[in-house]
Amino acid sequence: MFKNLTTVRRVAWGFGVLTIVLVCSVLLTIWQVSRTRDVTNKLLQKYTPISESSLRVLNGVNHSLASLRGYMLLNNEQAAIEASAAWKKRINPAIKELMSLTEVPESVEAIAEKYDIAALERRQLAATGQQDERLSLNEKVALVAVKLSELRKI
């Protein structure tokens, strides 16, 4: 097919093929960059605030523990007041922020109603030592939901 083409036409075909390859590679790069940007935005918008809040909780707990050590070792009443203030000003607000940032897809009651909890518990008791591998993820979630609802009643 290319034997009877002139040199100018062969060069034109070569440039055409190179242009097509270049356009395909640019389009693929743009597509991959947009996917990477979406993942980065998700990380920044969702997981960064959660990480920052958990670090604030950790810093508050460390502050409170340091104050309590001061109270225990030095018998300093100001240290006990400072530990209490750390809970009020640092830890509790950070925990409230964490609670607002986390998403619970379904309520505990909805999960418990969705699955037959009595059958799940019978199946769990019937399993000998390998209950975690025998239960599906949905069944594990339902069992955790039941345990949470029991804890809420206490």
C-alpha atoms as a PDB file:
ATOM      1  CA  MET A   1       0.000   0.000   0.000  1.00  0.00           C
ATOM      2  CA  PHE A   2       2.765   2.456   0.914  1.00  0.00           C
ATOM      3  CA  LYS A   3       5.095   1.332  -1.893  1.00  0.00           C
ATOM      4  CA  ASN A   4       3.358   3.317  -4.589  1.00  0.00           C
ATOM      5  CA  LEU A   5       3.128   6.546  -2.497  1.00  0.00           C
ATOM      6  CA  THR A   6       5.444   9.428  -3.101  1.00  0.00           C
ATOM      7  CA  THR A   7       7.901  10.577  -0.479  1.00  0.00           C
ATOM      8  CA  VAL A   8       5.784  13.630   0.347  1.00  0.00           C
ATOM      9  CA  ARG A   9       2.737  11.474   0.993  1.00  0.00           C
ATOM     10  CA  ARG A  10       4.735   9.067   3.153  1.00  0.00           C
ATOM     11  CA  VAL A  11       6.016  11.958   5.270  1.00  0.00           C
ATOM     12  CA  ALA A  12       2.445  13.313   5.518  1.00  0.00           C
ATOM     13  CA  TRP A  13       1.193   9.906   6.690  1.00  0.00           C
ATOM     14  CA  GLY A  14       3.972   9.745   9.278  1.00  0.00           C
ATOM     15  CA  PHE A  15       3.152  13.193  10.625  1.00  0.00           C
ATOM     16  CA  GLY A  16      -0.540  12.292  10.687  1.00  0.00           C
ATOM     17  CA  VAL A  17       0.091   9.149  12.706  1.00  0.00           C
ATOM     18  CA  LEU A  18       2.370  11.048  15.113  1.00  0.00           C
ATOM     19  CA  THR A  19      -0.294  13.742  15.500  1.00  0.00           C
ATOM     20  CA  ILE A  20      -2.934  11.145  16.318  1.00  0.00           C
ATOM     21  CA  VAL A  21      -0.649   9.488  18.897  1.00  0.00           C
ATOM     22  CA  LEU A  22       0.140  12.880  20.437  1.00  0.00           C
ATOM     23  CA  VAL A  23      -3.543  13.860  20.646  1.00  0.00           C
ATOM     24  CA  CYS A  24      -4.406  10.504  22.264  1.00  0.00           C
ATOM     25  CA  SER A  25      -1.643  10.846  24.828  1.00  0.00           C
ATOM     26  CA  VAL A  26      -2.700  14.425  25.683  1.00  0.00           C
ATOM     27  CA  LEU A  27      -6.337  13.363  26.106  1.00  0.00           C
ATOM     28  CA  LEU A  28      -5.316  10.413  28.297  1.00  0.00           C
ATOM     29  CA  THR A  29      -3.148  12.710  30.430  1.00  0.00           C
ATOM     30  CA  ILE A  30      -5.985  15.218  30.868  1.00  0.00           C
ATOM     31  CA  TRP A  31      -8.361  12.415  31.877  1.00  0.00           C
ATOM     32  CA  GLN A  32      -5.908  10.993  34.428  1.00  0.00           C
ATOM     33  CA  VAL A  33      -5.183  14.443  35.878  1.00  0.00           C
ATOM     34  CA  SER A  34      -8.911  15.099  36.323  1.00  0.00           C
ATOM     35  CA  ARG A  35      -9.322  11.771  38.151  1.00  0.00           C
ATOM     36  CA  THR A  36      -6.355  12.609  40.385  1.00  0.00           C
ATOM     37  CA  ARG A  37      -7.829  16.064  41.066  1.00  0.00           C
ATOM     38  CA  ASP A  38     -11.147  14.491  42.101  1.00  0.00           C
ATOM     39  CA  VAL A  39      -9.429  12.132  44.549  1.00  0.00           C
ATOM     40  CA  THR A  40      -7.332  14.992  45.935  1.00  0.00           C
ATOM     41  CA  ASN A  41     -10.405  17.174  46.425  1.00  0.00           C
ATOM     42  CA  LYS A  42     -12.182  14.337  48.214  1.00  0.00           C
ATOM     43  CA  LEU A  43      -9.215  13.882  50.529  1.00  0.00           C
ATOM     44  CA  LEU A  44      -8.966  17.588  51.237  1.00  0.00           C
ATOM     45  CA  GLN A  45     -12.671  18.165  51.788  1.00  0.00           C
ATOM     46  CA  LYS A  46     -13.567  15.039  53.718  1.00  0.00           C
ATOM     47  CA  TYR A  47     -10.577  13.452  55.391  1.00  0.00           C
ATOM     48  CA  THR A  48      -8.384  16.440  56.225  1.00  0.00           C
ATOM     49  CA  PRO A  49     -10.932  18.008  58.627  1.00  0.00           C
ATOM     50  CA  ILE A  50     -11.409  14.626  60.303  1.00  0.00           C
ATOM     51  CA  SER A  51      -7.655  14.248  60.724  1.00  0.00           C
ATOM     52  CA  GLU A  52      -7.314  17.778  62.092  1.00  0.00           C
ATOM     53  CA  SER A  53     -10.134  17.230  64.585  1.00  0.00           C
ATOM     54  CA  SER A  54      -8.655  13.962  65.789  1.00  0.00           C
ATOM     55  CA  LEU A  55      -5.295  15.666  66.248  1.00  0.00           C
ATOM     56  CA  ARG A  56      -7.012  18.392  68.304  1.00  0.00           C
ATOM     57  CA  VAL A  57      -8.567  15.676  70.479  1.00  0.00           C
ATOM     58  CA  LEU A  58      -5.172  14.027  70.913  1.00  0.00           C
ATOM     59  CA  ASN A  59      -3.503  17.344  71.789  1.00  0.00           C
ATOM     60  CA  GLY A  60      -6.231  18.118  74.302  1.00  0.00           C
ATOM     61  CA  VAL A  61      -5.884  14.701  75.910  1.00  0.00           C
ATOM     62  CA  ASN A  62      -2.115  15.159  76.139  1.00  0.00           C
ATOM     63  CA  HIS A  63      -2.636  18.595  77.699  1.00  0.00           C
ATOM     64  CA  SER A  64      -5.101  17.169  80.189  1.00  0.00           C
ATOM     65  CA  LEU A  65      -2.785  14.271  81.071  1.00  0.00           C
ATOM     66  CA  ALA A  66       0.137  16.620  81.596  1.00  0.00           C
ATOM     67  CA  SER A  67      -1.994  18.759  83.901  1.00  0.00           C
ATOM     68  CA  LEU A  68      -3.157  15.695  85.821  1.00  0.00           C
ATOM     69  CA  ARG A  69       0.444  14.538  86.234  1.00  0.00           C
ATOM     70  CA  GLY A  70       1.232  17.967  87.648  1.00  0.00           C
ATOM     71  CA  TYR A  71      -1.684  17.647  90.024  1.00  0.00           C
ATOM     72  CA  MET A  72      -0.675  14.145  91.132  1.00  0.00           C
ATOM     73  CA  LEU A  73       3.018  14.887  91.572  1.00  0.00           C
ATOM     74  CA  LEU A  74       2.890  18.411  92.927  1.00  0.00           C
ATOM     75  CA  ASN A  75      -0.563  18.421  94.506  1.00  0.00           C
ATOM     76  CA  ASN A  76      -1.223  21.639  92.595  1.00  0.00           C
ATOM     77  CA  GLU A  77      -4.927  22.555  92.462  1.00  0.00           C
ATOM     78  CA  GLN A  78      -4.320  24.863  89.491  1.00  0.00           C
ATOM     79  CA  ALA A  79      -3.196  21.838  87.460  1.00  0.00           C
ATOM     80  CA  ALA A  80      -6.489  20.060  88.172  1.00  0.00           C
ATOM     81  CA  ILE A  81      -8.411  23.162  87.063  1.00  0.00           C
ATOM     82  CA  GLU A  82      -6.282  23.311  83.923  1.00  0.00           C
ATOM     83  CA  ALA A  83      -7.034  19.648  83.158  1.00  0.00           C
ATOM     84  CA  SER A  84     -10.741  20.317  83.479  1.00  0.00           C
ATOM     85  CA  ALA A  85     -10.408  23.380  81.255  1.00  0.00           C
ATOM     86  CA  ALA A  86      -8.605  21.292  78.640  1.00  0.00           C
ATOM     87  CA  TRP A  87     -11.624  19.011  78.456  1.00  0.00           C
ATOM     88  CA  LYS A  88     -14.072  21.900  78.224  1.00  0.00           C
ATOM     89  CA  LYS A  89     -12.137  24.073  75.777  1.00  0.00           C
ATOM     90  CA  ARG A  90     -10.201  21.610  73.654  1.00  0.00           C
ATOM     91  CA  ILE A  91     -11.388  18.023  73.807  1.00  0.00           C
ATOM     92  CA  ASN A  92     -15.180  18.344  73.908  1.00  0.00           C
ATOM     93  CA  PRO A  93     -15.402  20.841  70.987  1.00  0.00           C
ATOM     94  CA  ALA A  94     -13.058  18.688  68.896  1.00  0.00           C
ATOM     95  CA  ILE A  95     -15.141  15.581  69.657  1.00  0.00           C
ATOM     96  CA  LYS A  96     -18.325  17.425  68.679  1.00  0.00           C
ATOM     97  CA  GLU A  97     -16.670  18.464  65.421  1.00  0.00           C
ATOM     98  CA  LEU A  98     -15.608  14.866  64.769  1.00  0.00           C
ATOM     99  CA  MET A  99     -19.152  13.686  65.397  1.00  0.00           C
ATOM    100  CA  SER A 100     -20.480  16.237  62.904  1.00  0.00           C
ATOM    101  CA  LEU A 101     -17.933  15.227  60.258  1.00  0.00           C
ATOM    102  CA  THR A 102     -18.562  11.495  60.405  1.00  0.00           C
ATOM    103  CA  GLU A 103     -21.402  10.096  58.377  1.00  0.00           C
ATOM    104  CA  VAL A 104     -23.680   7.329  59.565  1.00  0.00           C
ATOM    105  CA  PRO A 105     -25.521   5.941  56.534  1.00  0.00           C
ATOM    106  CA  GLU A 106     -28.301   4.258  58.494  1.00  0.00           C
ATOM    107  CA  SER A 107     -29.519   4.442  62.036  1.00  0.00           C
ATOM    108  CA  VAL A 108     -28.929   1.563  64.397  1.00  0.00           C
ATOM    109  CA  GLU A 109     -32.614   0.719  64.416  1.00  0.00           C
ATOM    110  CA  ALA A 110     -32.780   0.583  60.605  1.00  0.00           C
ATOM    111  CA  ILE A 111     -29.854  -1.830  60.491  1.00  0.00           C
ATOM    112  CA  ALA A 112     -31.404  -4.002  63.195  1.00  0.00           C
ATOM    113  CA  GLU A 113     -34.719  -4.129  61.319  1.00  0.00           C
ATOM    114  CA  LYS A 114     -33.058  -4.827  57.982  1.00  0.00           C
ATOM    115  CA  TYR A 115     -31.526  -8.076  59.198  1.00  0.00           C
ATOM    116  CA  ASP A 116     -33.008 -10.823  61.302  1.00  0.00           C
ATOM    117  CA  ILE A 117     -30.907 -10.230  64.393  1.00  0.00           C
ATOM    118  CA  ALA A 118     -32.059 -13.336  66.231  1.00  0.00           C
ATOM    119  CA  ALA A 119     -30.987 -15.531  63.313  1.00  0.00           C
ATOM    120  CA  LEU A 120     -27.662 -13.751  63.132  1.00  0.00           C
ATOM    121  CA  GLU A 121     -27.022 -14.319  66.814  1.00  0.00           C
ATOM    122  CA  ARG A 122     -27.961 -18.010  66.483  1.00  0.00           C
ATOM    123  CA  ARG A 123     -25.573 -18.315  63.562  1.00  0.00           C
ATOM    124  CA  GLN A 124     -22.856 -16.574  65.534  1.00  0.00           C
ATOM    125  CA  LEU A 125     -23.315 -18.901  68.496  1.00  0.00           C
ATOM    126  CA  ALA A 126     -23.379 -21.942  66.232  1.00  0.00           C
ATOM    127  CA  ALA A 127     -20.047 -21.032  64.666  1.00  0.00           C
ATOM    128  CA  THR A 128     -17.169 -22.490  66.600  1.00  0.00           C
ATOM    129  CA  GLY A 129     -14.124 -20.265  66.708  1.00  0.00           C
ATOM    130  CA  GLN A 130     -14.442 -19.131  63.100  1.00  0.00           C
ATOM    131  CA  GLN A 131     -17.432 -16.871  63.471  1.00  0.00           C
ATOM    132  CA  ASP A 132     -15.702 -13.828  61.966  1.00  0.00           C
ATOM    133  CA  GLU A 133     -14.938 -15.638  58.708  1.00  0.00           C
ATOM    134  CA  ARG A 134     -18.416 -17.135  58.420  1.00  0.00           C
ATOM    135  CA  LEU A 135     -20.371 -13.917  58.897  1.00  0.00           C
ATOM    136  CA  SER A 136     -20.736 -11.536  56.008  1.00  0.00           C
ATOM    137  CA  LEU A 137     -19.932  -7.857  56.342  1.00  0.00           C
ATOM    138  CA  ASN A 138     -23.621  -6.920  56.511  1.00  0.00           C
ATOM    139  CA  GLU A 139     -24.185  -9.442  59.280  1.00  0.00           C
ATOM    140  CA  LYS A 140     -21.234  -8.051  61.236  1.00  0.00           C
ATOM    141  CA  VAL A 141     -22.635  -4.529  60.857  1.00  0.00           C
ATOM    142  CA  ALA A 142     -26.011  -5.705  62.104  1.00  0.00           C
ATOM    143  CA  LEU A 143     -24.467  -7.396  65.145  1.00  0.00           C
ATOM    144  CA  VAL A 144     -22.486  -4.259  65.938  1.00  0.00           C
ATOM    145  CA  ALA A 145     -25.690  -2.233  65.610  1.00  0.00           C
ATOM    146  CA  VAL A 146     -27.455  -4.475  68.104  1.00  0.00           C
ATOM    147  CA  LYS A 147     -24.571  -4.192  70.558  1.00  0.00           C
ATOM    148  CA  LEU A 148     -24.582  -0.394  70.157  1.00  0.00           C
ATOM    149  CA  SER A 149     -28.286  -0.205  70.825  1.00  0.00           C
ATOM    150  CA  GLU A 150     -27.776  -2.343  73.952  1.00  0.00           C
ATOM    151  CA  LEU A 151     -25.020   0.011  75.098  1.00  0.00           C
ATOM    152  CA  ARG A 152     -27.251   3.031  74.540  1.00  0.00           C
ATOM    153  CA  LYS A 153     -29.875   1.513  76.832  1.00  0.00           C
ATOM    154  CA  ILE A 154     -27.386   1.210  79.699  1.00  0.00           C
END
